[in-house]
Amino acid sequence: MEILHSQTAVAGTDAFTTASNRPLANFHPNIWGSSFLLHDFPETDGARKAQEESIEKLKEELRKELKELRMNRDYMGQVRMVDAIQRLGIAYHFELEIDQALQNVFETFDDFCIHNDDDMHAIALSFRLLRQNGYKVSSKIFEKFMDDGEFKVPPDHDIYSVMSMLEFYEATHLRFHDEDVLEYGFVSVKNYLERMPPNFSIPALAEQVDHALNGYSNRRGLPRLEGRFYLDNYAQQASHHQGLLRLAKLDFNWLQSSHKREASELYRWWKGLDVESKLPYIRDRMVETYFWILGIYFEPKYAVARKILSKVQAMASILDDTYDAYGIYEELKILTEAIERWDISSLDQLPEYMQLIYKALLELFREIENEEVIRQAGSYRIAYGKEAVKELARNYFEEIKWREEKYTPTTDEYMKLATKSCGYISLIIISFLGIDGDLAKREAFDWVLSQPDMVKATLIICRLTDDMVGHEFDRKRDHIPSAVECYMKEHNVAKGTAVDKFNVQIEDAWKDLNQGLLRPTAIPAPLLQRIFNFARIIEVIYKKGDWYTNVGPEMQSYIRQLLLDPVPE
């Protein structure tokens, strides 16, 4: 018997198996079973304390070494050490020392380039390091390598040439608008690196080239995951710094242990909701959600913010699937209105399956409200958080109206709504809730809501990247058109043309992000870094497919690397 469009019909036990009029997506189940529930933590308090003491000792030694390089004004010594620290994922231990060293490098950068104008590797490394840390350095230093509008690449693939071209390739990912030398250079150098002989004599360098071309650039990859890759690669480099390598290994495993505990606690909370049996239509993805949030912030000081964002994003995923892959119009209208009222008295008006969602959402925000950082910052934070969820529900429901009407909007009309319904502006707001009040003040929340270029860029990357890999799956059921279908219909073109157009828009969005991180910043740099990291995690999870929806071997491997498999020390 087909379920009717009524409140009472969906409350029964057969709702999930006989809903032939529902836009079911048939997502695959949770792949992790009880592994995170049963996970044990073998290290004792004493062992963990000994690990922390070793970390502190190494940090102090390395701080002295970096200070000595700065005092001696050792330009390349500072550049190489800061680059290794950042790429190994341990920069959060040396924020002051890195800032002091880079200020020193920045002040002497122009002079260094004048006296070393033929050292492409050193110039490209310096340029990348300064620009990725917000310093204004001009790309005109590379114009000497242009000839008649073409970027000159070396004729051979000797070690120095490959090192230089790889470093320049990484630097091109920090380009701004109208930087032709980096635009043309990107294409030329990419072609050069792709022609590298398969039997190249330095395996560690060949591995870096392959990772940059077929994996992720240093600029766009997930910081924690890039650190894990570079840790293994750095160990193979003949010139590696033993102290840095030792600290990176100890710190990675210490952090992994902390993250395991957080993941286990979140998984227990999630299992307590009993979504597997009560909401079987949703994507059961708590572990993947936590991996996502580690991409936004992995550092210990963000533990509370990470917990808040993980839980809210998990609830947002439930809402997304309820609107997108189960609910019918009348039910979703009631749910949207209930979320707008945000009052437990609305519970009885909802279908039974929605009552679980609504109650869990309200209870979660009561929990958040009691966090110490929230109480100290002021009640305005909770108000911003609730409004973010309400806005998300409104936007989801606007899409449902399109679905009901079988409406295909223009591309501009679609993007105006879909960049909101992707959820990222709401999640950015939520990501600030648990951050220290001296950083995330009311003005920062208002700045995000004004949608400056940097925020718009992140929304565009999220929406278009998701649509390009997910639209074929969505077409198999009752679903609104994606950006791809909207553009194809509006301009009467093939899919490839639409994809090419969107890839250009995504690249332009990355340029906006790069420019948005330049000093002085509109809001504190650590907050901007969270926004930038939201774009990075999309690059990782959606570049090659929708790995959140379809958790394949690569995504599983990434999760295991960060949460389950320690680095051999």
Protein backbone atom coordinates (compact mmCIF):
# COMPACT_ATOMS: atom_id res chain seq x y z
CA MET A 1 0.00 0.00 0.00
CA GLU A 2 1.39 3.40 -0.95
CA ILE A 3 1.85 5.87 1.86
CA LEU A 4 -0.43 8.86 1.63
CA HIS A 5 0.72 12.48 1.89
CA SER A 6 -0.39 12.78 5.48
CA GLN A 7 1.10 13.23 8.88
CA THR A 8 -0.32 10.04 10.33
CA ALA A 9 0.76 7.84 7.44
CA VAL A 10 4.48 8.33 7.96
CA ALA A 11 4.32 7.72 11.68
CA GLY A 12 3.77 3.97 11.29
CA THR A 13 6.43 1.27 11.30
CA ASP A 14 6.04 0.54 7.57
CA ALA A 15 6.89 4.10 6.53
CA PHE A 16 10.39 3.30 5.35
CA THR A 17 9.62 0.20 3.30
CA THR A 18 6.48 1.20 1.38
CA ALA A 19 7.21 4.81 0.48
CA SER A 20 6.98 4.46 -3.29
CA ASN A 21 6.13 8.15 -3.66
CA ARG A 22 9.23 9.28 -1.82
CA PRO A 23 12.50 10.38 -3.50
CA LEU A 24 14.55 7.61 -1.90
CA ALA A 25 18.27 7.58 -2.64
CA ASN A 26 19.12 4.14 -1.17
CA PHE A 27 22.41 5.26 0.37
CA HIS A 28 24.77 2.48 1.38
CA PRO A 29 24.93 1.76 5.13
CA ASN A 30 27.58 2.76 7.63
CA ILE A 31 30.76 0.80 6.84
CA TRP A 32 32.46 1.14 10.24
CA GLY A 33 30.15 -1.04 12.31
CA SER A 34 31.06 -0.88 15.98
CA SER A 35 34.80 -0.29 15.44
CA PHE A 36 34.68 3.21 16.91
CA LEU A 37 32.37 2.15 19.72
CA LEU A 38 34.66 -0.67 20.78
CA HIS A 39 37.92 1.13 20.14
CA ASP A 40 40.30 0.84 23.05
CA PHE A 41 42.95 3.30 24.11
CA PRO A 42 45.89 1.22 25.33
CA GLU A 43 48.23 4.01 26.33
CA THR A 44 48.30 4.76 30.04
CA ASP A 45 48.27 8.24 31.53
CA GLY A 46 51.95 7.76 32.32
CA ALA A 47 52.82 6.81 28.74
CA ARG A 48 50.89 9.76 27.39
CA LYS A 49 52.62 12.10 29.83
CA ALA A 50 56.03 10.76 28.75
CA GLN A 51 55.04 11.37 25.13
CA GLU A 52 54.04 14.94 25.96
CA GLU A 53 57.34 15.55 27.76
CA SER A 54 59.28 14.35 24.72
CA ILE A 55 57.24 16.64 22.49
CA GLU A 56 57.87 19.63 24.73
CA LYS A 57 61.60 18.96 24.84
CA LEU A 58 61.83 18.77 21.05
CA LYS A 59 59.73 21.89 20.63
CA GLU A 60 62.04 23.87 22.87
CA GLU A 61 65.13 22.70 20.97
CA LEU A 62 63.57 23.58 17.62
CA ARG A 63 62.42 27.00 18.83
CA LYS A 64 66.00 27.80 19.77
CA GLU A 65 67.24 26.61 16.39
CA LEU A 66 64.71 28.68 14.46
CA LYS A 67 65.52 31.72 16.60
CA GLU A 68 69.21 31.25 15.89
CA LEU A 69 68.54 31.13 12.14
CA ARG A 70 66.56 34.34 12.45
CA MET A 71 69.18 36.13 14.55
CA ASN A 72 71.85 35.12 12.02
CA ARG A 73 69.56 36.29 9.21
CA ASP A 74 70.04 32.94 7.48
CA TYR A 75 67.52 33.50 4.70
CA MET A 76 67.30 30.01 3.17
CA GLY A 77 67.78 28.32 6.54
CA GLN A 78 64.63 30.04 7.80
CA VAL A 79 62.73 29.34 4.58
CA ARG A 80 63.55 25.63 4.57
CA MET A 81 62.82 25.12 8.25
CA VAL A 82 59.51 27.00 8.26
CA ASP A 83 58.42 25.17 5.11
CA ALA A 84 59.22 21.78 6.66
CA ILE A 85 57.41 22.70 9.89
CA GLN A 86 54.29 23.76 8.04
CA ARG A 87 54.24 20.84 5.63
CA LEU A 88 54.72 18.34 8.45
CA GLY A 89 51.60 19.70 10.18
CA ILE A 90 53.31 20.92 13.36
CA ALA A 91 53.14 24.67 12.71
CA TYR A 92 50.59 25.18 15.49
CA HIS A 93 53.43 24.65 17.97
CA PHE A 94 55.54 27.46 16.50
CA GLU A 95 53.13 30.24 15.51
CA LEU A 96 55.13 33.11 17.06
CA GLU A 97 58.50 31.81 15.85
CA ILE A 98 57.17 31.26 12.31
CA ASP A 99 55.70 34.75 12.18
CA GLN A 100 59.00 36.28 13.30
CA ALA A 101 61.01 34.24 10.79
CA LEU A 102 58.71 35.03 7.88
CA GLN A 103 58.73 38.73 8.69
CA ASN A 104 62.50 38.52 8.46
CA VAL A 105 62.29 36.67 5.12
CA PHE A 106 59.71 39.12 3.77
CA GLU A 107 61.91 42.12 4.56
CA THR A 108 64.82 40.66 2.58
CA PHE A 109 62.85 38.88 -0.17
CA ASP A 110 63.33 41.49 -2.91
CA ASP A 111 67.04 41.75 -2.22
CA PHE A 112 67.41 37.97 -2.21
CA CYS A 113 65.67 37.70 -5.59
CA ILE A 114 67.96 40.34 -7.11
CA HIS A 115 71.10 38.50 -6.03
CA ASN A 116 69.75 35.01 -6.83
CA ASP A 117 67.67 35.75 -9.92
CA ASP A 118 68.63 32.46 -11.63
CA ASP A 119 67.70 30.24 -8.65
CA MET A 120 64.16 29.30 -9.61
CA HIS A 121 63.78 26.79 -6.80
CA ALA A 122 64.71 29.23 -4.02
CA ILE A 123 62.60 32.05 -5.49
CA ALA A 124 59.53 29.85 -6.02
CA LEU A 125 59.80 28.34 -2.54
CA SER A 126 60.18 31.78 -0.94
CA PHE A 127 57.27 33.18 -2.96
CA ARG A 128 54.97 30.29 -2.06
CA LEU A 129 55.86 30.37 1.61
CA LEU A 130 55.33 34.11 1.93
CA ARG A 131 52.13 34.26 -0.07
CA GLN A 132 50.53 31.27 1.66
CA ASN A 133 51.16 33.05 4.95
CA GLY A 134 49.47 36.24 3.81
CA TYR A 135 52.44 38.35 2.73
CA LYS A 136 52.09 40.58 -0.33
CA VAL A 137 54.76 39.51 -2.80
CA SER A 138 54.60 40.18 -6.52
CA SER A 139 54.54 37.42 -9.14
CA LYS A 140 56.48 39.74 -11.49
CA ILE A 141 59.67 38.10 -10.21
CA PHE A 142 58.80 35.18 -12.52
CA GLU A 143 58.44 37.27 -15.67
CA LYS A 144 62.14 36.74 -16.42
CA PHE A 145 61.22 33.13 -17.13
CA MET A 146 58.72 34.13 -19.85
CA ASP A 147 59.61 34.26 -23.56
CA ASP A 148 57.12 35.57 -26.15
CA GLY A 149 54.14 34.82 -23.88
CA GLU A 150 55.36 31.30 -23.11
CA PHE A 151 56.75 30.14 -19.80
CA LYS A 152 60.18 28.62 -20.34
CA VAL A 153 60.67 25.18 -18.89
CA PRO A 154 64.00 23.32 -18.75
CA PRO A 155 64.86 21.00 -21.64
CA ASP A 156 65.80 18.14 -19.32
CA HIS A 157 64.48 16.46 -16.19
CA ASP A 158 67.56 16.70 -14.02
CA ILE A 159 67.10 16.82 -10.24
CA TYR A 160 67.40 20.58 -9.81
CA SER A 161 65.06 21.30 -12.75
CA VAL A 162 62.37 18.96 -11.43
CA MET A 163 62.69 20.40 -7.91
CA SER A 164 62.39 23.93 -9.30
CA MET A 165 59.43 23.20 -11.57
CA LEU A 166 57.59 21.31 -8.81
CA GLU A 167 58.10 24.23 -6.43
CA PHE A 168 56.89 26.68 -9.04
CA TYR A 169 53.89 24.43 -9.82
CA GLU A 170 52.92 24.54 -6.14
CA ALA A 171 53.39 28.33 -6.16
CA THR A 172 50.98 28.74 -9.09
CA HIS A 173 48.15 27.52 -6.84
CA LEU A 174 48.44 30.79 -4.93
CA ARG A 175 47.72 32.93 -7.99
CA PHE A 176 45.41 35.93 -8.01
CA HIS A 177 43.26 37.27 -10.82
CA ASP A 178 45.15 38.63 -13.86
CA GLU A 179 48.46 37.06 -12.93
CA ASP A 180 49.29 35.84 -16.43
CA VAL A 181 52.77 34.66 -15.56
CA LEU A 182 51.35 32.21 -13.01
CA GLU A 183 48.42 31.28 -15.26
CA TYR A 184 50.61 30.43 -18.25
CA GLY A 185 53.27 28.98 -16.00
CA PHE A 186 50.79 26.57 -14.44
CA VAL A 187 49.97 25.02 -17.81
CA SER A 188 53.57 24.82 -19.03
CA VAL A 189 54.99 23.42 -15.82
CA LYS A 190 52.17 20.90 -15.42
CA ASN A 191 52.96 19.57 -18.91
CA TYR A 192 56.67 19.46 -18.04
CA LEU A 193 56.08 17.47 -14.84
CA GLU A 194 53.73 15.06 -16.60
CA ARG A 195 56.56 14.21 -19.01
CA MET A 196 58.92 13.26 -16.18
CA PRO A 197 60.59 9.87 -16.86
CA PRO A 198 59.00 7.02 -14.89
CA ASN A 199 62.42 5.80 -13.70
CA PHE A 200 63.43 9.13 -12.15
CA SER A 201 66.49 8.73 -9.92
CA ILE A 202 65.10 10.30 -6.71
CA PRO A 203 62.03 8.31 -5.50
CA ALA A 204 61.00 10.86 -2.85
CA LEU A 205 60.93 13.68 -5.42
CA ALA A 206 59.08 11.52 -7.95
CA GLU A 207 56.53 10.74 -5.24
CA GLN A 208 56.02 14.45 -4.56
CA VAL A 209 55.47 15.13 -8.27
CA ASP A 210 52.93 12.32 -8.55
CA HIS A 211 51.11 13.55 -5.46
CA ALA A 212 50.96 17.13 -6.74
CA LEU A 213 49.66 16.07 -10.16
CA ASN A 214 47.34 13.20 -9.25
CA GLY A 215 46.57 13.87 -5.60
CA TYR A 216 46.35 17.35 -4.13
CA SER A 217 48.47 20.45 -4.25
CA ASN A 218 50.00 21.62 -1.00
CA ARG A 219 47.72 24.66 -1.11
CA ARG A 220 44.43 22.83 -1.60
CA GLY A 221 44.97 19.54 0.16
CA LEU A 222 43.67 18.73 3.62
CA PRO A 223 46.33 19.99 6.08
CA ARG A 224 46.31 16.96 8.36
CA LEU A 225 46.29 14.54 5.42
CA GLU A 226 49.01 16.45 3.60
CA GLY A 227 51.07 16.36 6.77
CA ARG A 228 50.70 12.58 6.91
CA PHE A 229 51.85 12.24 3.30
CA TYR A 230 54.77 14.61 3.74
CA LEU A 231 55.89 12.91 6.93
CA ASP A 232 56.60 9.69 5.03
CA ASN A 233 58.12 11.57 2.11
CA TYR A 234 60.29 13.80 4.30
CA ALA A 235 61.81 10.76 5.99
CA GLN A 236 63.12 9.63 2.58
CA GLN A 237 64.81 12.97 1.87
CA ALA A 238 68.55 12.86 2.48
CA SER A 239 68.54 16.38 3.91
CA HIS A 240 65.71 15.86 6.41
CA HIS A 241 66.00 17.35 9.89
CA GLN A 242 66.03 14.57 12.50
CA GLY A 243 64.50 16.73 15.23
CA LEU A 244 61.63 17.90 13.03
CA LEU A 245 60.95 14.37 11.83
CA ARG A 246 60.94 13.01 15.37
CA LEU A 247 58.61 15.73 16.60
CA ALA A 248 56.27 15.27 13.62
CA LYS A 249 55.95 11.53 14.31
CA LEU A 250 55.37 11.95 18.05
CA ASP A 251 52.91 14.79 17.51
CA PHE A 252 50.98 12.97 14.80
CA ASN A 253 50.44 9.94 17.01
CA TRP A 254 49.64 12.04 20.08
CA LEU A 255 47.04 13.99 18.13
CA GLN A 256 45.67 10.84 16.52
CA SER A 257 45.08 9.36 19.97
CA SER A 258 43.18 12.52 20.98
CA HIS A 259 41.16 12.47 17.77
CA LYS A 260 40.31 8.79 18.26
CA ARG A 261 38.83 9.61 21.64
CA GLU A 262 36.81 12.47 20.19
CA ALA A 263 35.58 10.28 17.32
CA SER A 264 34.56 7.55 19.78
CA GLU A 265 32.60 10.00 21.93
CA LEU A 266 30.83 11.42 18.88
CA TYR A 267 30.07 7.95 17.56
CA ARG A 268 28.48 7.00 20.88
CA TRP A 269 26.35 10.16 20.78
CA TRP A 270 25.32 9.33 17.21
CA LYS A 271 24.48 5.72 18.03
CA GLY A 272 22.42 7.00 20.95
CA LEU A 273 20.13 8.72 18.44
CA ASP A 274 19.42 5.28 16.92
CA VAL A 275 19.28 6.71 13.39
CA GLU A 276 20.14 3.34 11.87
CA SER A 277 16.76 1.86 12.77
CA LYS A 278 14.61 4.98 13.12
CA LEU A 279 15.91 6.96 10.13
CA PRO A 280 17.22 4.28 7.74
CA TYR A 281 16.89 6.56 4.71
CA ILE A 282 19.73 8.88 5.78
CA ARG A 283 23.47 8.67 5.11
CA ASP A 284 24.85 7.10 8.30
CA ARG A 285 28.15 8.98 8.21
CA MET A 286 29.29 10.11 11.66
CA VAL A 287 32.87 8.97 11.13
CA GLU A 288 33.03 10.69 7.74
CA THR A 289 31.56 13.82 9.28
CA TYR A 290 34.27 13.89 11.92
CA PHE A 291 36.92 13.42 9.22
CA TRP A 292 35.36 16.42 7.43
CA ILE A 293 35.59 18.54 10.56
CA LEU A 294 39.22 17.55 11.14
CA GLY A 295 39.78 19.24 7.81
CA ILE A 296 38.45 22.49 9.27
CA TYR A 297 40.50 22.38 12.46
CA PHE A 298 42.61 19.57 13.92
CA GLU A 299 44.56 21.51 16.55
CA PRO A 300 43.94 20.73 20.27
CA LYS A 301 42.76 24.26 21.09
CA TYR A 302 39.75 23.77 18.81
CA ALA A 303 38.46 20.63 20.57
CA VAL A 304 35.20 22.24 21.77
CA ALA A 305 34.60 23.96 18.44
CA ARG A 306 35.26 20.65 16.67
CA LYS A 307 32.74 18.80 18.84
CA ILE A 308 30.06 21.44 18.26
CA LEU A 309 30.59 21.58 14.52
CA SER A 310 30.73 17.77 14.19
CA LYS A 311 27.38 17.33 15.92
CA VAL A 312 25.66 20.18 14.10
CA GLN A 313 26.97 19.02 10.74
CA ALA A 314 25.73 15.51 11.51
CA MET A 315 22.28 16.98 12.24
CA ALA A 316 22.48 19.09 9.08
CA SER A 317 23.19 15.91 7.11
CA ILE A 318 20.06 14.32 8.60
CA LEU A 319 18.04 17.38 7.61
CA ASP A 320 19.57 17.38 4.11
CA ASP A 321 18.59 13.76 3.54
CA THR A 322 15.15 14.27 5.06
CA TYR A 323 14.38 17.13 2.68
CA ASP A 324 16.23 15.67 -0.27
CA ALA A 325 15.72 11.92 -0.06
CA TYR A 326 12.65 11.07 2.02
CA GLY A 327 10.25 13.81 3.09
CA ILE A 328 7.19 14.78 1.09
CA TYR A 329 6.06 18.36 0.63
CA GLU A 330 3.41 18.53 3.37
CA GLU A 331 5.70 17.01 5.99
CA LEU A 332 8.62 19.24 5.06
CA LYS A 333 6.47 22.33 5.25
CA ILE A 334 5.53 21.40 8.82
CA LEU A 335 9.16 20.67 9.71
CA THR A 336 10.38 23.98 8.28
CA GLU A 337 7.76 25.88 10.26
CA ALA A 338 8.66 23.97 13.44
CA ILE A 339 12.35 24.77 13.05
CA GLU A 340 11.42 28.40 12.50
CA ARG A 341 9.50 28.44 15.80
CA TRP A 342 12.25 26.52 17.66
CA ASP A 343 9.94 25.44 20.45
CA ILE A 344 9.46 21.97 21.91
CA SER A 345 5.70 22.56 21.84
CA SER A 346 5.88 22.06 18.06
CA LEU A 347 6.97 18.44 18.52
CA ASP A 348 3.50 16.86 18.46
CA GLN A 349 2.68 18.51 15.12
CA LEU A 350 5.41 16.55 13.37
CA PRO A 351 5.32 13.02 11.90
CA GLU A 352 6.82 10.47 14.25
CA TYR A 353 10.10 10.10 12.38
CA MET A 354 10.58 13.88 12.30
CA GLN A 355 9.99 14.14 16.03
CA LEU A 356 13.27 12.33 16.66
CA ILE A 357 15.10 14.81 14.44
CA TYR A 358 13.48 17.89 15.95
CA LYS A 359 13.98 16.78 19.53
CA ALA A 360 17.64 15.89 18.90
CA LEU A 361 18.23 19.27 17.26
CA LEU A 362 16.78 21.25 20.16
CA GLU A 363 18.60 19.13 22.74
CA LEU A 364 21.88 19.60 20.89
CA PHE A 365 21.61 23.37 21.04
CA ARG A 366 20.76 23.23 24.73
CA GLU A 367 23.98 21.25 25.17
CA ILE A 368 25.94 23.80 23.13
CA GLU A 369 24.46 26.64 25.16
CA ASN A 370 26.00 25.13 28.30
CA GLU A 371 29.54 25.01 26.91
CA GLU A 372 31.84 27.27 28.91
CA VAL A 373 33.15 29.09 25.84
CA ILE A 374 29.58 29.92 24.80
CA ARG A 375 28.61 31.18 28.25
CA GLN A 376 31.69 33.39 28.41
CA ALA A 377 31.23 34.81 24.91
CA GLY A 378 27.57 35.73 25.36
CA SER A 379 24.13 34.57 24.30
CA TYR A 380 24.47 36.17 20.86
CA ARG A 381 26.42 33.12 19.68
CA ILE A 382 23.53 30.75 20.26
CA ALA A 383 21.25 33.18 18.45
CA TYR A 384 23.55 33.16 15.42
CA GLY A 385 23.76 29.37 15.56
CA LYS A 386 20.00 28.84 15.69
CA GLU A 387 19.43 31.33 12.90
CA ALA A 388 22.00 29.47 10.78
CA VAL A 389 20.00 26.24 11.13
CA LYS A 390 16.71 28.04 10.43
CA GLU A 391 18.18 29.59 7.30
CA LEU A 392 19.39 26.19 6.16
CA ALA A 393 15.90 24.69 6.58
CA ARG A 394 14.33 27.62 4.69
CA ASN A 395 16.70 27.09 1.79
CA TYR A 396 16.12 23.34 1.74
CA PHE A 397 12.40 23.98 1.56
CA GLU A 398 12.75 26.46 -1.30
CA GLU A 399 14.38 23.67 -3.28
CA ILE A 400 11.47 21.38 -2.40
CA LYS A 401 9.11 23.91 -3.98
CA TRP A 402 11.13 23.67 -7.20
CA ARG A 403 10.97 19.89 -7.00
CA GLU A 404 7.22 19.94 -6.58
CA GLU A 405 6.78 22.27 -9.54
CA LYS A 406 9.27 20.33 -11.72
CA TYR A 407 10.91 23.70 -12.24
CA THR A 408 14.26 24.17 -13.97
CA PRO A 409 15.71 27.56 -12.97
CA THR A 410 18.28 29.56 -14.89
CA THR A 411 21.85 28.96 -13.80
CA ASP A 412 22.03 32.32 -11.99
CA GLU A 413 18.71 31.67 -10.26
CA TYR A 414 19.88 28.20 -9.26
CA MET A 415 23.23 29.40 -7.90
CA LYS A 416 21.58 32.15 -5.85
CA LEU A 417 19.67 29.52 -3.89
CA ALA A 418 21.99 26.53 -4.18
CA THR A 419 25.03 28.31 -2.74
CA LYS A 420 22.90 28.81 0.37
CA SER A 421 21.36 25.33 0.43
CA CYS A 422 24.78 23.69 0.17
CA GLY A 423 24.91 24.56 3.87
CA TYR A 424 28.32 26.11 3.96
CA ILE A 425 27.42 29.61 5.13
CA SER A 426 25.48 28.06 8.01
CA LEU A 427 28.35 25.72 8.86
CA ILE A 428 30.90 28.53 8.76
CA ILE A 429 28.81 30.35 11.33
CA ILE A 430 28.59 27.18 13.44
CA SER A 431 32.36 26.65 13.13
CA PHE A 432 32.91 29.94 14.99
CA LEU A 433 30.65 29.08 17.94
CA GLY A 434 33.21 27.17 19.98
CA ILE A 435 36.20 29.39 19.21
CA ASP A 436 37.69 31.67 21.86
CA GLY A 437 35.74 34.91 22.28
CA ASP A 438 38.77 37.13 21.67
CA LEU A 439 38.90 35.79 18.11
CA ALA A 440 35.29 35.13 17.15
CA LYS A 441 33.51 38.34 18.08
CA ARG A 442 30.07 39.41 16.91
CA GLU A 443 31.63 41.41 14.07
CA ALA A 444 33.11 38.23 12.61
CA PHE A 445 29.69 36.57 12.46
CA ASP A 446 28.20 39.63 10.77
CA TRP A 447 31.10 39.74 8.31
CA VAL A 448 30.40 36.15 7.22
CA LEU A 449 26.68 36.85 6.82
CA SER A 450 27.47 39.83 4.57
CA GLN A 451 28.94 37.27 2.15
CA PRO A 452 32.21 38.98 1.17
CA ASP A 453 34.16 37.59 -1.78
CA MET A 454 36.03 35.04 0.30
CA VAL A 455 32.82 33.51 1.65
CA LYS A 456 31.16 33.58 -1.78
CA ALA A 457 34.19 31.81 -3.24
CA THR A 458 33.90 29.00 -0.70
CA LEU A 459 30.18 28.60 -1.45
CA ILE A 460 30.86 28.44 -5.20
CA ILE A 461 33.56 25.78 -4.77
CA CYS A 462 31.26 23.74 -2.55
CA ARG A 463 28.22 23.93 -4.82
CA LEU A 464 29.83 23.44 -8.21
CA THR A 465 32.29 20.73 -7.15
CA ASP A 466 29.48 18.77 -5.51
CA ASP A 467 27.13 19.20 -8.49
CA MET A 468 29.68 18.11 -11.07
CA VAL A 469 30.31 14.76 -9.37
CA GLY A 470 26.83 14.14 -7.95
CA HIS A 471 24.34 15.14 -10.63
CA GLU A 472 24.20 11.74 -12.36
CA PHE A 473 23.27 10.04 -9.07
CA ASP A 474 20.62 12.65 -8.31
CA ARG A 475 19.00 12.27 -11.74
CA LYS A 476 18.01 8.70 -10.89
CA ARG A 477 15.24 9.96 -8.60
CA ASP A 478 12.88 12.89 -8.13
CA HIS A 479 15.34 15.72 -7.57
CA ILE A 480 15.82 19.33 -8.60
CA PRO A 481 18.20 19.93 -11.53
CA SER A 482 21.83 20.54 -10.64
CA ALA A 483 23.94 23.42 -11.91
CA VAL A 484 25.04 21.13 -14.75
CA GLU A 485 21.47 20.48 -15.99
CA CYS A 486 20.49 24.12 -15.52
CA TYR A 487 23.41 25.36 -17.63
CA MET A 488 22.95 22.70 -20.31
CA LYS A 489 19.28 23.55 -20.73
CA GLU A 490 19.71 27.33 -20.57
CA HIS A 491 22.54 27.44 -23.12
CA ASN A 492 21.64 24.30 -25.12
CA VAL A 493 25.12 22.82 -24.71
CA ALA A 494 26.65 19.45 -23.86
CA LYS A 495 27.67 18.41 -20.36
CA GLY A 496 31.36 18.90 -21.14
CA THR A 497 30.82 22.55 -21.97
CA ALA A 498 29.02 23.13 -18.68
CA VAL A 499 31.76 21.35 -16.73
CA ASP A 500 34.48 23.40 -18.45
CA LYS A 501 32.61 26.59 -17.57
CA PHE A 502 32.28 25.60 -13.92
CA ASN A 503 35.92 24.56 -13.63
CA VAL A 504 36.90 28.09 -14.70
CA GLN A 505 34.55 29.52 -12.06
CA ILE A 506 36.06 27.25 -9.42
CA GLU A 507 39.58 28.38 -10.32
CA ASP A 508 38.45 32.02 -10.08
CA ALA A 509 36.99 31.25 -6.66
CA TRP A 510 40.33 29.88 -5.47
CA LYS A 511 41.94 33.14 -6.60
CA ASP A 512 39.44 35.08 -4.49
CA LEU A 513 40.33 32.89 -1.51
CA ASN A 514 44.04 33.49 -2.02
CA GLN A 515 43.50 37.23 -2.11
CA GLY A 516 41.21 37.14 0.90
CA LEU A 517 43.99 35.75 3.08
CA LEU A 518 46.42 38.61 2.42
CA ARG A 519 47.44 40.76 5.37
CA PRO A 520 45.89 42.83 6.81
CA THR A 521 42.85 40.57 6.99
CA ALA A 522 39.22 41.63 7.36
CA ILE A 523 38.72 39.43 10.44
CA PRO A 524 41.31 37.49 12.48
CA ALA A 525 43.39 35.20 10.28
CA PRO A 526 42.55 32.01 12.26
CA LEU A 527 38.87 32.52 11.38
CA LEU A 528 39.68 33.09 7.71
CA GLN A 529 41.72 29.89 7.79
CA ARG A 530 38.62 27.99 8.86
CA ILE A 531 36.76 29.37 5.83
CA PHE A 532 39.66 28.45 3.55
CA ASN A 533 39.72 24.95 5.03
CA PHE A 534 36.03 24.51 4.21
CA ALA A 535 37.04 24.84 0.55
CA ARG A 536 39.98 22.48 1.01
CA ILE A 537 37.88 19.66 2.41
CA ILE A 538 35.52 19.93 -0.57
CA GLU A 539 38.54 19.54 -2.85
CA VAL A 540 39.44 16.30 -1.06
CA ILE A 541 36.00 14.72 -0.59
CA TYR A 542 34.40 15.76 -3.92
CA LYS A 543 37.23 16.22 -6.46
CA LYS A 544 37.10 12.62 -7.72
CA GLY A 545 33.55 11.71 -6.69
CA ASP A 546 31.05 12.16 -3.88
CA TRP A 547 33.04 10.31 -1.24
CA TYR A 548 30.73 11.39 1.57
CA THR A 549 27.76 9.67 -0.04
CA ASN A 550 29.76 6.77 -1.52
CA VAL A 551 32.56 5.95 0.90
CA GLY A 552 34.98 4.08 -1.35
CA PRO A 553 38.49 2.69 -0.76
CA GLU A 554 40.33 6.02 -1.05
CA MET A 555 38.10 7.77 1.47
CA GLN A 556 38.37 4.80 3.82
CA SER A 557 42.15 4.90 3.48
CA TYR A 558 42.24 8.60 4.36
CA ILE A 559 40.12 8.01 7.45
CA ARG A 560 42.31 5.12 8.54
CA GLN A 561 45.45 7.20 8.08
CA LEU A 562 44.13 9.98 10.30
CA LEU A 563 42.15 8.04 12.90
CA LEU A 564 43.28 4.42 13.07
CA ASP A 565 46.82 3.83 11.81
CA PRO A 566 49.64 5.40 13.85
CA VAL A 567 52.94 6.46 12.31
CA PRO A 568 55.80 4.05 13.08
CA GLU A 569 58.12 5.90 15.44
